[in-house]
Amino acid sequence: MRLRWVESFVQGWYELMDMKRRYEDRETMEWHDYEMIVHFHEADPAGIAFYGNYVFWQEKAFDSMLSIRGFRHEVGKIGFPVVFIQCRYIKPIRMWSHVKVSMTISPGSDLKKLVTPFRIVLTKTGEICAEGEVHRRFVGIPSLESIECPPEWREAFGFPYAKQPCGLRRNPLVVPTMKRALARGVKILGHQKGIAS
């Protein structure tokens, strides 16, 4: 079918709506704070924290958050590889600064994907220095194949109610929307109904 771009368009639209919902829900989520000091070895010669450490700090906050929630890593059974990470640097952090790494588990998570937004804040002033989001997958070890979060761990991750992954390709609205668009001959990006295969 020559209208595969319609599927891409609709999926992209739902992805944008999903991202918008996650960012709107951030303020109502329960945030976990991990406090620390920027040490000498974490800064460059100018006395500013090396940007790569921001990723390391959020990983420490992630481990701390899981520990507070009662979750313990079981070596050799399950892994949490990072499949996507983004970080927006807003303000530099200087050596010996007291910072707070805040993290939560986003409603965008499901039984196969864990989404953890984070922000790094100066403890003294409350200024946000960086913010971002990390996506992790649940994988079995040693197979490294994608698996669902074990039932006994779902409460620790905050989604005991989840039924199945809410990925775009499983969204029940995508296919009906595409069919209606094609049936009605809706103009999308300047194309006409007559282009269909």
C-alpha atoms as a PDB file:
ATOM      1  CA  MET A   1       0.000   0.000   0.000  1.00  0.00           C
ATOM      2  CA  ARG A   2       1.335   3.393  -1.009  1.00  0.00           C
ATOM      3  CA  LEU A   3      -0.191   5.207   1.942  1.00  0.00           C
ATOM      4  CA  ARG A   4       2.169   3.916   4.614  1.00  0.00           C
ATOM      5  CA  TRP A   5       2.887   7.565   5.386  1.00  0.00           C
ATOM      6  CA  VAL A   6      -0.638   7.761   6.856  1.00  0.00           C
ATOM      7  CA  GLU A   7       0.310   5.158   9.457  1.00  0.00           C
ATOM      8  CA  SER A   8       3.497   7.076  10.247  1.00  0.00           C
ATOM      9  CA  PHE A   9       1.556  10.345  10.499  1.00  0.00           C
ATOM     10  CA  VAL A  10      -1.068   8.916  12.878  1.00  0.00           C
ATOM     11  CA  GLN A  11       1.510   7.098  15.013  1.00  0.00           C
ATOM     12  CA  GLY A  12       3.582  10.277  15.232  1.00  0.00           C
ATOM     13  CA  TRP A  13       0.525  12.229  16.334  1.00  0.00           C
ATOM     14  CA  TYR A  14      -0.269   9.735  19.097  1.00  0.00           C
ATOM     15  CA  GLU A  15       3.369   9.808  20.187  1.00  0.00           C
ATOM     16  CA  LEU A  16       3.200  13.596  20.536  1.00  0.00           C
ATOM     17  CA  MET A  17      -0.033  13.359  22.536  1.00  0.00           C
ATOM     18  CA  ASP A  18       1.529  10.712  24.782  1.00  0.00           C
ATOM     19  CA  MET A  19       4.583  12.915  25.419  1.00  0.00           C
ATOM     20  CA  LYS A  20       2.319  15.901  26.152  1.00  0.00           C
ATOM     21  CA  ARG A  21       0.323  13.863  28.675  1.00  0.00           C
ATOM     22  CA  ARG A  22       3.477  12.643  30.422  1.00  0.00           C
ATOM     23  CA  TYR A  23       4.874  16.153  30.780  1.00  0.00           C
ATOM     24  CA  GLU A  24       1.538  17.509  32.056  1.00  0.00           C
ATOM     25  CA  ASP A  25       1.401  14.732  34.676  1.00  0.00           C
ATOM     26  CA  ARG A  26       4.902  15.457  35.989  1.00  0.00           C
ATOM     27  CA  GLU A  27       3.775  17.886  38.679  1.00  0.00           C
ATOM     28  CA  THR A  28       1.298  15.403  40.188  1.00  0.00           C
ATOM     29  CA  MET A  29       3.730  12.466  40.356  1.00  0.00           C
ATOM     30  CA  GLU A  30       5.559  11.402  43.503  1.00  0.00           C
ATOM     31  CA  TRP A  31       9.186  12.522  43.219  1.00  0.00           C
ATOM     32  CA  HIS A  32      12.115  10.891  45.011  1.00  0.00           C
ATOM     33  CA  ASP A  33      15.037  13.162  45.998  1.00  0.00           C
ATOM     34  CA  TYR A  34      18.661  12.054  46.082  1.00  0.00           C
ATOM     35  CA  GLU A  35      21.019  14.653  47.583  1.00  0.00           C
ATOM     36  CA  MET A  36      24.741  14.826  46.909  1.00  0.00           C
ATOM     37  CA  ILE A  37      27.782  17.110  46.661  1.00  0.00           C
ATOM     38  CA  VAL A  38      29.751  17.716  43.452  1.00  0.00           C
ATOM     39  CA  HIS A  39      33.290  16.565  44.261  1.00  0.00           C
ATOM     40  CA  PHE A  40      36.638  17.607  42.810  1.00  0.00           C
ATOM     41  CA  HIS A  41      36.966  14.542  40.549  1.00  0.00           C
ATOM     42  CA  GLU A  42      33.550  15.265  38.982  1.00  0.00           C
ATOM     43  CA  ALA A  43      34.545  18.721  37.704  1.00  0.00           C
ATOM     44  CA  ASP A  44      36.694  19.962  34.826  1.00  0.00           C
ATOM     45  CA  PRO A  45      39.698  22.339  35.224  1.00  0.00           C
ATOM     46  CA  ALA A  46      37.279  25.291  35.228  1.00  0.00           C
ATOM     47  CA  GLY A  47      35.570  23.913  38.336  1.00  0.00           C
ATOM     48  CA  ILE A  48      32.331  23.044  36.490  1.00  0.00           C
ATOM     49  CA  ALA A  49      30.742  19.595  36.731  1.00  0.00           C
ATOM     50  CA  PHE A  50      31.480  17.421  33.686  1.00  0.00           C
ATOM     51  CA  TYR A  51      28.277  16.965  31.666  1.00  0.00           C
ATOM     52  CA  GLY A  52      28.641  13.171  31.513  1.00  0.00           C
ATOM     53  CA  ASN A  53      28.278  12.980  35.295  1.00  0.00           C
ATOM     54  CA  TYR A  54      24.658  14.120  35.024  1.00  0.00           C
ATOM     55  CA  VAL A  55      23.780  10.721  33.549  1.00  0.00           C
ATOM     56  CA  PHE A  56      25.712   8.952  36.307  1.00  0.00           C
ATOM     57  CA  TRP A  57      23.903  10.992  38.985  1.00  0.00           C
ATOM     58  CA  GLN A  58      20.472  10.083  37.652  1.00  0.00           C
ATOM     59  CA  GLU A  59      21.514   6.422  37.731  1.00  0.00           C
ATOM     60  CA  LYS A  60      22.418   6.768  41.409  1.00  0.00           C
ATOM     61  CA  ALA A  61      19.056   8.456  42.025  1.00  0.00           C
ATOM     62  CA  PHE A  62      17.334   5.570  40.189  1.00  0.00           C
ATOM     63  CA  ASP A  63      18.991   2.973  42.434  1.00  0.00           C
ATOM     64  CA  SER A  64      18.109   5.017  45.523  1.00  0.00           C
ATOM     65  CA  MET A  65      14.480   5.395  44.401  1.00  0.00           C
ATOM     66  CA  LEU A  66      14.076   1.640  43.868  1.00  0.00           C
ATOM     67  CA  SER A  67      15.627   0.953  47.259  1.00  0.00           C
ATOM     68  CA  ILE A  68      13.169   3.328  48.962  1.00  0.00           C
ATOM     69  CA  ARG A  69      10.288   1.598  47.159  1.00  0.00           C
ATOM     70  CA  GLY A  70      11.388  -1.739  48.565  1.00  0.00           C
ATOM     71  CA  PHE A  71      12.824  -3.144  45.344  1.00  0.00           C
ATOM     72  CA  ARG A  72      16.089  -5.083  45.395  1.00  0.00           C
ATOM     73  CA  HIS A  73      18.150  -6.022  42.353  1.00  0.00           C
ATOM     74  CA  GLU A  74      18.265  -9.773  41.843  1.00  0.00           C
ATOM     75  CA  VAL A  75      21.522 -10.471  40.069  1.00  0.00           C
ATOM     76  CA  GLY A  76      21.200 -12.897  37.183  1.00  0.00           C
ATOM     77  CA  LYS A  77      17.392 -12.736  36.826  1.00  0.00           C
ATOM     78  CA  ILE A  78      16.393  -9.407  35.278  1.00  0.00           C
ATOM     79  CA  GLY A  79      18.069  -6.343  33.830  1.00  0.00           C
ATOM     80  CA  PHE A  80      17.123  -2.726  33.114  1.00  0.00           C
ATOM     81  CA  PRO A  81      19.107  -1.645  30.025  1.00  0.00           C
ATOM     82  CA  VAL A  82      18.720   1.991  29.012  1.00  0.00           C
ATOM     83  CA  VAL A  83      17.264   2.235  25.494  1.00  0.00           C
ATOM     84  CA  PHE A  84      16.729   6.000  25.357  1.00  0.00           C
ATOM     85  CA  ILE A  85      18.020   8.960  27.325  1.00  0.00           C
ATOM     86  CA  GLN A  86      17.709  12.696  26.903  1.00  0.00           C
ATOM     87  CA  CYS A  87      19.013  15.545  29.034  1.00  0.00           C
ATOM     88  CA  ARG A  88      18.538  19.282  28.649  1.00  0.00           C
ATOM     89  CA  TYR A  89      21.338  21.278  30.271  1.00  0.00           C
ATOM     90  CA  ILE A  90      19.982  24.551  31.663  1.00  0.00           C
ATOM     91  CA  LYS A  91      22.654  25.907  34.018  1.00  0.00           C
ATOM     92  CA  PRO A  92      26.226  24.806  34.872  1.00  0.00           C
ATOM     93  CA  ILE A  93      26.899  23.226  38.265  1.00  0.00           C
ATOM     94  CA  ARG A  94      30.083  24.221  40.086  1.00  0.00           C
ATOM     95  CA  MET A  95      32.365  22.073  42.190  1.00  0.00           C
ATOM     96  CA  TRP A  96      31.324  21.643  45.855  1.00  0.00           C
ATOM     97  CA  SER A  97      27.725  22.586  45.046  1.00  0.00           C
ATOM     98  CA  HIS A  98      24.988  20.764  46.946  1.00  0.00           C
ATOM     99  CA  VAL A  99      22.559  19.323  44.411  1.00  0.00           C
ATOM    100  CA  LYS A 100      19.345  17.321  44.541  1.00  0.00           C
ATOM    101  CA  VAL A 101      18.535  14.782  41.845  1.00  0.00           C
ATOM    102  CA  SER A 102      14.757  14.310  41.742  1.00  0.00           C
ATOM    103  CA  MET A 103      13.275  11.317  39.925  1.00  0.00           C
ATOM    104  CA  THR A 104       9.919   9.642  39.507  1.00  0.00           C
ATOM    105  CA  ILE A 105       8.246   6.878  37.510  1.00  0.00           C
ATOM    106  CA  SER A 106       6.144   8.316  34.710  1.00  0.00           C
ATOM    107  CA  PRO A 107       2.595   7.211  33.813  1.00  0.00           C
ATOM    108  CA  GLY A 108       4.122   6.505  30.391  1.00  0.00           C
ATOM    109  CA  SER A 109       5.600   3.316  31.869  1.00  0.00           C
ATOM    110  CA  ASP A 110       4.088  -0.086  31.207  1.00  0.00           C
ATOM    111  CA  LEU A 111       4.871  -3.734  31.896  1.00  0.00           C
ATOM    112  CA  LYS A 112       7.795  -3.778  29.451  1.00  0.00           C
ATOM    113  CA  LYS A 113       9.078  -0.216  29.650  1.00  0.00           C
ATOM    114  CA  LEU A 114      10.076   1.953  32.603  1.00  0.00           C
ATOM    115  CA  VAL A 115      10.079   5.732  31.978  1.00  0.00           C
ATOM    116  CA  THR A 116      11.833   7.829  34.620  1.00  0.00           C
ATOM    117  CA  PRO A 117      11.842  11.640  34.274  1.00  0.00           C
ATOM    118  CA  PHE A 118      14.540  13.387  36.321  1.00  0.00           C
ATOM    119  CA  ARG A 119      15.709  16.884  37.201  1.00  0.00           C
ATOM    120  CA  ILE A 120      18.881  18.137  38.859  1.00  0.00           C
ATOM    121  CA  VAL A 121      18.370  21.109  41.187  1.00  0.00           C
ATOM    122  CA  LEU A 122      20.669  23.313  43.274  1.00  0.00           C
ATOM    123  CA  THR A 123      19.678  22.580  46.871  1.00  0.00           C
ATOM    124  CA  LYS A 124      20.411  26.107  48.116  1.00  0.00           C
ATOM    125  CA  THR A 125      18.481  28.116  45.515  1.00  0.00           C
ATOM    126  CA  GLY A 126      16.083  25.564  44.046  1.00  0.00           C
ATOM    127  CA  GLU A 127      17.233  26.425  40.510  1.00  0.00           C
ATOM    128  CA  ILE A 128      16.846  23.631  37.948  1.00  0.00           C
ATOM    129  CA  CYS A 129      20.202  22.941  36.278  1.00  0.00           C
ATOM    130  CA  ALA A 130      19.176  20.012  34.077  1.00  0.00           C
ATOM    131  CA  GLU A 131      16.159  17.862  33.312  1.00  0.00           C
ATOM    132  CA  GLY A 132      15.513  14.858  31.150  1.00  0.00           C
ATOM    133  CA  GLU A 133      13.999  11.412  30.797  1.00  0.00           C
ATOM    134  CA  VAL A 134      15.303   7.852  30.691  1.00  0.00           C
ATOM    135  CA  HIS A 135      13.581   4.829  29.130  1.00  0.00           C
ATOM    136  CA  ARG A 136      14.564   1.375  30.358  1.00  0.00           C
ATOM    137  CA  ARG A 137      13.415  -2.071  29.233  1.00  0.00           C
ATOM    138  CA  PHE A 138      12.846  -5.142  31.351  1.00  0.00           C
ATOM    139  CA  VAL A 139      14.993  -7.982  29.990  1.00  0.00           C
ATOM    140  CA  GLY A 140      15.636 -11.503  31.138  1.00  0.00           C
ATOM    141  CA  ILE A 141      19.162 -12.686  31.928  1.00  0.00           C
ATOM    142  CA  PRO A 142      21.080 -14.288  30.295  1.00  0.00           C
ATOM    143  CA  SER A 143      18.798 -14.242  27.207  1.00  0.00           C
ATOM    144  CA  LEU A 144      18.551 -10.394  27.179  1.00  0.00           C
ATOM    145  CA  GLU A 145      15.114 -10.739  25.591  1.00  0.00           C
ATOM    146  CA  SER A 146      12.371  -8.268  26.434  1.00  0.00           C
ATOM    147  CA  ILE A 147      10.069  -9.541  29.204  1.00  0.00           C
ATOM    148  CA  GLU A 148       7.190  -8.212  31.281  1.00  0.00           C
ATOM    149  CA  CYS A 149       7.804  -6.903  34.763  1.00  0.00           C
ATOM    150  CA  PRO A 150       7.300  -9.808  37.197  1.00  0.00           C
ATOM    151  CA  PRO A 151       3.979  -9.494  39.111  1.00  0.00           C
ATOM    152  CA  GLU A 152       5.714  -9.395  42.501  1.00  0.00           C
ATOM    153  CA  TRP A 153       7.666  -6.260  41.456  1.00  0.00           C
ATOM    154  CA  ARG A 154       4.844  -4.238  39.903  1.00  0.00           C
ATOM    155  CA  GLU A 155       3.794  -2.499  43.095  1.00  0.00           C
ATOM    156  CA  ALA A 156       7.388  -1.337  43.719  1.00  0.00           C
ATOM    157  CA  PHE A 157       7.396   0.275  40.274  1.00  0.00           C
ATOM    158  CA  GLY A 158       4.014   1.900  40.840  1.00  0.00           C
ATOM    159  CA  PHE A 159       1.952   0.205  38.121  1.00  0.00           C
ATOM    160  CA  PRO A 160       0.238  -2.860  39.596  1.00  0.00           C
ATOM    161  CA  TYR A 161      -2.803  -1.968  37.487  1.00  0.00           C
ATOM    162  CA  ALA A 162      -1.070  -2.265  34.108  1.00  0.00           C
ATOM    163  CA  LYS A 163      -2.449  -4.878  31.722  1.00  0.00           C
ATOM    164  CA  GLN A 164      -0.226  -4.692  28.660  1.00  0.00           C
ATOM    165  CA  PRO A 165       2.340  -2.407  27.024  1.00  0.00           C
ATOM    166  CA  CYS A 166       0.755   0.777  25.737  1.00  0.00           C
ATOM    167  CA  GLY A 167       3.033   1.135  22.721  1.00  0.00           C
ATOM    168  CA  LEU A 168       1.741   3.009  19.700  1.00  0.00           C
ATOM    169  CA  ARG A 169       1.432  -0.081  17.534  1.00  0.00           C
ATOM    170  CA  ARG A 170      -0.922  -1.585  20.148  1.00  0.00           C
ATOM    171  CA  ASN A 171      -2.984   1.570  20.525  1.00  0.00           C
ATOM    172  CA  PRO A 172      -6.552   0.545  19.605  1.00  0.00           C
ATOM    173  CA  LEU A 173      -7.255   4.006  18.183  1.00  0.00           C
ATOM    174  CA  VAL A 174      -4.530   3.991  15.534  1.00  0.00           C
ATOM    175  CA  VAL A 175      -5.974   1.531  13.001  1.00  0.00           C
ATOM    176  CA  PRO A 176      -9.616   2.765  13.137  1.00  0.00           C
ATOM    177  CA  THR A 177      -8.403   6.363  12.723  1.00  0.00           C
ATOM    178  CA  MET A 178      -6.367   5.393   9.661  1.00  0.00           C
ATOM    179  CA  LYS A 179      -9.311   3.512   8.125  1.00  0.00           C
ATOM    180  CA  ARG A 180     -11.680   6.439   8.673  1.00  0.00           C
ATOM    181  CA  ALA A 181      -9.183   8.850   7.153  1.00  0.00           C
ATOM    182  CA  LEU A 182      -8.809   6.689   4.039  1.00  0.00           C
ATOM    183  CA  ALA A 183     -12.543   5.957   3.725  1.00  0.00           C
ATOM    184  CA  ARG A 184     -13.504   9.620   3.866  1.00  0.00           C
ATOM    185  CA  GLY A 185     -10.782  10.693   1.506  1.00  0.00           C
ATOM    186  CA  VAL A 186      -9.351  13.166   3.981  1.00  0.00           C
ATOM    187  CA  LYS A 187      -6.561  15.322   2.642  1.00  0.00           C
ATOM    188  CA  ILE A 188      -3.424  14.710   4.675  1.00  0.00           C
ATOM    189  CA  LEU A 189      -0.227  16.498   3.673  1.00  0.00           C
ATOM    190  CA  GLY A 190      -1.810  17.398   0.330  1.00  0.00           C
ATOM    191  CA  HIS A 191      -2.564  13.825  -0.794  1.00  0.00           C
ATOM    192  CA  GLN A 192      -5.911  12.644  -2.166  1.00  0.00           C
ATOM    193  CA  LYS A 193      -7.859   9.439  -1.607  1.00  0.00           C
ATOM    194  CA  GLY A 194      -7.151   8.370  -5.181  1.00  0.00           C
ATOM    195  CA  ILE A 195      -3.461   7.722  -4.356  1.00  0.00           C
ATOM    196  CA  ALA A 196      -4.311   4.544  -2.441  1.00  0.00           C
ATOM    197  CA  SER A 197      -2.897   1.341  -3.870  1.00  0.00           C
END
